[in-house]
Amino acid sequence: MSPPPLRWRVHRLALRGYRRLPVSARRFLVRRAGPTFSAGSIVLIEAEDGRVLLIRQSYRRDWGLPGGLLARRESPQDAACREVREEVGLDVELTGPGRLVIDPVARRLDFVFRARLELSGPVPTVRPTSAEVVEVRWFKRDALPALQPETSTAMAALEGPEPGPVLAQRC
């Protein structure tokens, strides 16, 4: 049997050195050398009559769901509630488990949640409370406007039967 190729021997030697590093140094190396993904939370807010709350952002043409990037060490659930409060000024309660949507092309992980309003009365008129949001409206499910691709994928993920992650479809 022939000896392993030189690149294998170098790789094994590097792995032995890696194993001896403290965990913090290993994490640092993996985060610097490995692929990076952004992580965000998206929230589907439904009114009792089935209408869905959508936003239009200043830097996007189509409509989307409230949401945004997770802050360092922030849970996806906390980010979801924070983003809704920042963008449309509502306090919501997340209902059920979230779904994870993985988009390897965009290198993005989206945690998608359903939410209900914490209200004791009619559904409020909602206004933007962030400079990035230019319009907020309630839409009936059968009369949705043009949606951002992430929003379409997020809504489909919440309707899907599988409890595991959803891979974003790209054609």
C-alpha atoms as a PDB file:
ATOM      1  CA  MET A   1       0.000   0.000   0.000  1.00  0.00           C
ATOM      2  CA  SER A   2       1.395   3.405  -0.969  1.00  0.00           C
ATOM      3  CA  PRO A   3       1.778   6.240   1.551  1.00  0.00           C
ATOM      4  CA  PRO A   4      -0.915   8.920   1.622  1.00  0.00           C
ATOM      5  CA  PRO A   5      -0.350  11.910  -0.662  1.00  0.00           C
ATOM      6  CA  LEU A   6       1.643  14.833   0.710  1.00  0.00           C
ATOM      7  CA  ARG A   7      -1.442  17.059   0.944  1.00  0.00           C
ATOM      8  CA  TRP A   8      -3.136  14.497   3.225  1.00  0.00           C
ATOM      9  CA  ARG A   9      -0.109  14.343   5.497  1.00  0.00           C
ATOM     10  CA  VAL A  10       0.013  18.163   5.684  1.00  0.00           C
ATOM     11  CA  HIS A  11      -3.734  18.284   6.362  1.00  0.00           C
ATOM     12  CA  ARG A  12      -3.444  15.754   9.226  1.00  0.00           C
ATOM     13  CA  LEU A  13      -0.521  17.664  10.701  1.00  0.00           C
ATOM     14  CA  ALA A  14      -2.551  20.895  10.574  1.00  0.00           C
ATOM     15  CA  LEU A  15      -5.511  19.161  12.242  1.00  0.00           C
ATOM     16  CA  ARG A  16      -3.294  17.910  15.075  1.00  0.00           C
ATOM     17  CA  GLY A  17      -2.140  21.486  15.664  1.00  0.00           C
ATOM     18  CA  TYR A  18      -5.731  22.739  15.453  1.00  0.00           C
ATOM     19  CA  ARG A  19      -6.791  20.177  18.088  1.00  0.00           C
ATOM     20  CA  ARG A  20      -4.236  21.611  20.530  1.00  0.00           C
ATOM     21  CA  LEU A  21      -5.594  25.166  20.238  1.00  0.00           C
ATOM     22  CA  PRO A  22      -7.968  26.543  22.879  1.00  0.00           C
ATOM     23  CA  VAL A  23     -11.639  26.490  21.901  1.00  0.00           C
ATOM     24  CA  SER A  24     -11.738  30.280  21.518  1.00  0.00           C
ATOM     25  CA  ALA A  25      -8.857  30.171  19.013  1.00  0.00           C
ATOM     26  CA  ARG A  26     -10.531  27.361  17.069  1.00  0.00           C
ATOM     27  CA  ARG A  27     -13.774  29.333  16.875  1.00  0.00           C
ATOM     28  CA  PHE A  28     -11.862  32.398  15.705  1.00  0.00           C
ATOM     29  CA  LEU A  29     -10.171  30.426  12.914  1.00  0.00           C
ATOM     30  CA  VAL A  30     -13.399  28.750  11.769  1.00  0.00           C
ATOM     31  CA  ARG A  31     -15.258  32.050  11.679  1.00  0.00           C
ATOM     32  CA  ARG A  32     -12.470  33.737   9.718  1.00  0.00           C
ATOM     33  CA  ALA A  33     -11.806  30.909   7.255  1.00  0.00           C
ATOM     34  CA  GLY A  34     -15.269  29.389   6.913  1.00  0.00           C
ATOM     35  CA  PRO A  35     -18.222  30.595   4.893  1.00  0.00           C
ATOM     36  CA  THR A  36     -20.308  33.241   6.604  1.00  0.00           C
ATOM     37  CA  PHE A  37     -24.061  33.616   6.534  1.00  0.00           C
ATOM     38  CA  SER A  38     -26.197  36.472   7.770  1.00  0.00           C
ATOM     39  CA  ALA A  39     -28.991  35.505  10.149  1.00  0.00           C
ATOM     40  CA  GLY A  40     -32.310  37.273  10.444  1.00  0.00           C
ATOM     41  CA  SER A  41     -35.856  36.909  11.698  1.00  0.00           C
ATOM     42  CA  ILE A  42     -39.016  37.445   9.659  1.00  0.00           C
ATOM     43  CA  VAL A  43     -42.510  37.725  11.129  1.00  0.00           C
ATOM     44  CA  LEU A  44     -45.844  36.900   9.500  1.00  0.00           C
ATOM     45  CA  ILE A  45     -48.462  38.915  11.411  1.00  0.00           C
ATOM     46  CA  GLU A  46     -52.028  37.841  10.721  1.00  0.00           C
ATOM     47  CA  ALA A  47     -55.184  39.625  11.783  1.00  0.00           C
ATOM     48  CA  GLU A  48     -58.171  37.639  13.039  1.00  0.00           C
ATOM     49  CA  ASP A  49     -59.884  38.130   9.664  1.00  0.00           C
ATOM     50  CA  GLY A  50     -56.905  36.530   7.849  1.00  0.00           C
ATOM     51  CA  ARG A  51     -55.287  39.709   6.554  1.00  0.00           C
ATOM     52  CA  VAL A  52     -51.497  39.842   6.541  1.00  0.00           C
ATOM     53  CA  LEU A  53     -49.365  42.844   7.510  1.00  0.00           C
ATOM     54  CA  LEU A  54     -46.802  43.771   4.838  1.00  0.00           C
ATOM     55  CA  ILE A  55     -44.230  46.523   4.646  1.00  0.00           C
ATOM     56  CA  ARG A  56     -42.504  48.285   1.775  1.00  0.00           C
ATOM     57  CA  GLN A  57     -38.931  49.326   2.483  1.00  0.00           C
ATOM     58  CA  SER A  58     -37.211  52.401   1.055  1.00  0.00           C
ATOM     59  CA  TYR A  59     -34.505  50.299  -0.577  1.00  0.00           C
ATOM     60  CA  ARG A  60     -36.739  47.525  -2.005  1.00  0.00           C
ATOM     61  CA  ARG A  61     -39.413  47.646  -4.677  1.00  0.00           C
ATOM     62  CA  ASP A  62     -41.680  44.762  -3.649  1.00  0.00           C
ATOM     63  CA  TRP A  63     -43.525  44.174  -0.386  1.00  0.00           C
ATOM     64  CA  GLY A  64     -42.159  42.123   2.493  1.00  0.00           C
ATOM     65  CA  LEU A  65     -42.729  40.991   6.030  1.00  0.00           C
ATOM     66  CA  PRO A  66     -41.348  42.855   9.034  1.00  0.00           C
ATOM     67  CA  GLY A  67     -37.986  41.549  10.109  1.00  0.00           C
ATOM     68  CA  GLY A  68     -34.270  42.063  10.057  1.00  0.00           C
ATOM     69  CA  LEU A  69     -30.865  40.859  11.133  1.00  0.00           C
ATOM     70  CA  LEU A  70     -30.147  39.386  14.537  1.00  0.00           C
ATOM     71  CA  ALA A  71     -27.945  41.451  16.803  1.00  0.00           C
ATOM     72  CA  ARG A  72     -24.890  39.766  18.292  1.00  0.00           C
ATOM     73  CA  ARG A  73     -25.969  37.174  20.888  1.00  0.00           C
ATOM     74  CA  GLU A  74     -29.678  37.911  20.277  1.00  0.00           C
ATOM     75  CA  SER A  75     -32.102  35.012  19.953  1.00  0.00           C
ATOM     76  CA  PRO A  76     -34.169  34.748  16.754  1.00  0.00           C
ATOM     77  CA  GLN A  77     -37.354  35.168  18.828  1.00  0.00           C
ATOM     78  CA  ASP A  78     -36.111  38.340  20.504  1.00  0.00           C
ATOM     79  CA  ALA A  79     -34.947  39.722  17.138  1.00  0.00           C
ATOM     80  CA  ALA A  80     -38.365  39.018  15.624  1.00  0.00           C
ATOM     81  CA  CYS A  81     -40.220  40.940  18.345  1.00  0.00           C
ATOM     82  CA  ARG A  82     -37.663  43.780  18.319  1.00  0.00           C
ATOM     83  CA  GLU A  83     -37.807  44.205  14.533  1.00  0.00           C
ATOM     84  CA  VAL A  84     -41.626  44.348  14.498  1.00  0.00           C
ATOM     85  CA  ARG A  85     -41.572  46.951  17.269  1.00  0.00           C
ATOM     86  CA  GLU A  86     -38.888  49.009  15.474  1.00  0.00           C
ATOM     87  CA  GLU A  87     -40.470  48.860  12.005  1.00  0.00           C
ATOM     88  CA  VAL A  88     -44.206  49.139  12.688  1.00  0.00           C
ATOM     89  CA  GLY A  89     -44.491  49.970  16.399  1.00  0.00           C
ATOM     90  CA  LEU A  90     -46.442  46.858  17.373  1.00  0.00           C
ATOM     91  CA  ASP A  91     -45.931  44.454  20.251  1.00  0.00           C
ATOM     92  CA  VAL A  92     -46.602  40.927  19.068  1.00  0.00           C
ATOM     93  CA  GLU A  93     -46.676  37.480  20.583  1.00  0.00           C
ATOM     94  CA  LEU A  94     -44.967  34.768  18.551  1.00  0.00           C
ATOM     95  CA  THR A  95     -47.149  31.718  18.074  1.00  0.00           C
ATOM     96  CA  GLY A  96     -45.738  28.256  17.608  1.00  0.00           C
ATOM     97  CA  PRO A  97     -42.230  27.266  16.665  1.00  0.00           C
ATOM     98  CA  GLY A  98     -40.351  29.182  14.030  1.00  0.00           C
ATOM     99  CA  ARG A  99     -39.118  27.727  10.754  1.00  0.00           C
ATOM    100  CA  LEU A 100     -35.603  28.025   9.424  1.00  0.00           C
ATOM    101  CA  VAL A 101     -35.156  28.991   5.768  1.00  0.00           C
ATOM    102  CA  ILE A 102     -31.666  28.481   4.360  1.00  0.00           C
ATOM    103  CA  ASP A 103     -30.651  30.370   1.233  1.00  0.00           C
ATOM    104  CA  PRO A 104     -27.169  29.121   0.281  1.00  0.00           C
ATOM    105  CA  VAL A 105     -26.898  31.411  -2.756  1.00  0.00           C
ATOM    106  CA  ALA A 106     -27.593  34.595  -0.775  1.00  0.00           C
ATOM    107  CA  ARG A 107     -25.769  33.053   2.213  1.00  0.00           C
ATOM    108  CA  ARG A 108     -28.664  33.879   4.493  1.00  0.00           C
ATOM    109  CA  LEU A 109     -30.496  32.094   7.313  1.00  0.00           C
ATOM    110  CA  ASP A 110     -33.997  33.375   8.034  1.00  0.00           C
ATOM    111  CA  PHE A 111     -35.925  32.339  11.127  1.00  0.00           C
ATOM    112  CA  VAL A 112     -39.592  32.727  10.206  1.00  0.00           C
ATOM    113  CA  PHE A 113     -42.312  33.141  12.824  1.00  0.00           C
ATOM    114  CA  ARG A 114     -46.068  33.601  12.959  1.00  0.00           C
ATOM    115  CA  ALA A 115     -47.316  36.249  15.358  1.00  0.00           C
ATOM    116  CA  ARG A 116     -50.494  37.685  16.709  1.00  0.00           C
ATOM    117  CA  LEU A 117     -51.085  41.152  17.999  1.00  0.00           C
ATOM    118  CA  GLU A 118     -51.386  41.733  21.700  1.00  0.00           C
ATOM    119  CA  LEU A 119     -54.700  43.615  21.396  1.00  0.00           C
ATOM    120  CA  SER A 120     -58.014  43.969  23.089  1.00  0.00           C
ATOM    121  CA  GLY A 121     -59.984  45.629  20.318  1.00  0.00           C
ATOM    122  CA  PRO A 122     -60.009  46.183  16.556  1.00  0.00           C
ATOM    123  CA  VAL A 123     -56.917  45.733  14.408  1.00  0.00           C
ATOM    124  CA  PRO A 124     -55.074  49.066  14.506  1.00  0.00           C
ATOM    125  CA  THR A 125     -54.065  51.260  11.646  1.00  0.00           C
ATOM    126  CA  VAL A 126     -50.343  50.709  11.439  1.00  0.00           C
ATOM    127  CA  ARG A 127     -47.761  53.292  10.399  1.00  0.00           C
ATOM    128  CA  PRO A 128     -44.034  53.013   9.741  1.00  0.00           C
ATOM    129  CA  THR A 129     -41.927  53.705  12.815  1.00  0.00           C
ATOM    130  CA  SER A 130     -38.568  53.284  11.086  1.00  0.00           C
ATOM    131  CA  ALA A 131     -36.885  55.356   8.398  1.00  0.00           C
ATOM    132  CA  GLU A 132     -36.359  52.228   6.300  1.00  0.00           C
ATOM    133  CA  VAL A 133     -40.104  51.505   6.033  1.00  0.00           C
ATOM    134  CA  VAL A 134     -42.098  53.745   3.683  1.00  0.00           C
ATOM    135  CA  GLU A 135     -45.474  51.998   3.733  1.00  0.00           C
ATOM    136  CA  VAL A 136     -47.368  49.510   5.904  1.00  0.00           C
ATOM    137  CA  ARG A 137     -50.652  47.867   4.910  1.00  0.00           C
ATOM    138  CA  TRP A 138     -52.903  44.943   5.681  1.00  0.00           C
ATOM    139  CA  PHE A 139     -53.610  42.674   2.674  1.00  0.00           C
ATOM    140  CA  LYS A 140     -56.091  39.889   2.131  1.00  0.00           C
ATOM    141  CA  ARG A 141     -54.370  36.598   1.293  1.00  0.00           C
ATOM    142  CA  ASP A 142     -56.091  36.442  -2.094  1.00  0.00           C
ATOM    143  CA  ALA A 143     -55.009  39.999  -3.003  1.00  0.00           C
ATOM    144  CA  LEU A 144     -51.305  40.120  -2.131  1.00  0.00           C
ATOM    145  CA  PRO A 145     -49.079  42.574  -4.029  1.00  0.00           C
ATOM    146  CA  ALA A 146     -45.734  41.648  -5.615  1.00  0.00           C
ATOM    147  CA  LEU A 147     -43.672  40.080  -2.826  1.00  0.00           C
ATOM    148  CA  GLN A 148     -39.957  40.003  -2.161  1.00  0.00           C
ATOM    149  CA  PRO A 149     -38.547  36.506  -2.852  1.00  0.00           C
ATOM    150  CA  GLU A 150     -37.655  36.067   0.841  1.00  0.00           C
ATOM    151  CA  THR A 151     -41.228  36.838   1.814  1.00  0.00           C
ATOM    152  CA  SER A 152     -42.716  34.309  -0.614  1.00  0.00           C
ATOM    153  CA  THR A 153     -40.310  31.646   0.651  1.00  0.00           C
ATOM    154  CA  ALA A 154     -41.009  32.525   4.293  1.00  0.00           C
ATOM    155  CA  MET A 155     -44.778  32.314   3.837  1.00  0.00           C
ATOM    156  CA  ALA A 156     -44.463  28.983   2.009  1.00  0.00           C
ATOM    157  CA  ALA A 157     -42.203  27.645   4.773  1.00  0.00           C
ATOM    158  CA  LEU A 158     -44.848  28.394   7.401  1.00  0.00           C
ATOM    159  CA  GLU A 159     -47.449  26.540   5.336  1.00  0.00           C
ATOM    160  CA  GLY A 160     -45.226  23.498   4.768  1.00  0.00           C
ATOM    161  CA  PRO A 161     -45.732  20.248   6.666  1.00  0.00           C
ATOM    162  CA  GLU A 162     -42.095  19.491   7.495  1.00  0.00           C
ATOM    163  CA  PRO A 163     -40.761  20.697  10.851  1.00  0.00           C
ATOM    164  CA  GLY A 164     -37.141  20.897   9.641  1.00  0.00           C
ATOM    165  CA  PRO A 165     -35.294  23.621   7.749  1.00  0.00           C
ATOM    166  CA  VAL A 166     -36.531  24.766   4.351  1.00  0.00           C
ATOM    167  CA  LEU A 167     -34.111  25.286   1.487  1.00  0.00           C
ATOM    168  CA  ALA A 168     -34.885  28.395  -0.570  1.00  0.00           C
ATOM    169  CA  GLN A 169     -35.752  27.454  -4.147  1.00  0.00           C
ATOM    170  CA  ARG A 170     -33.878  29.218  -6.910  1.00  0.00           C
ATOM    171  CA  CYS A 171     -34.319  28.691 -10.627  1.00  0.00           C
END
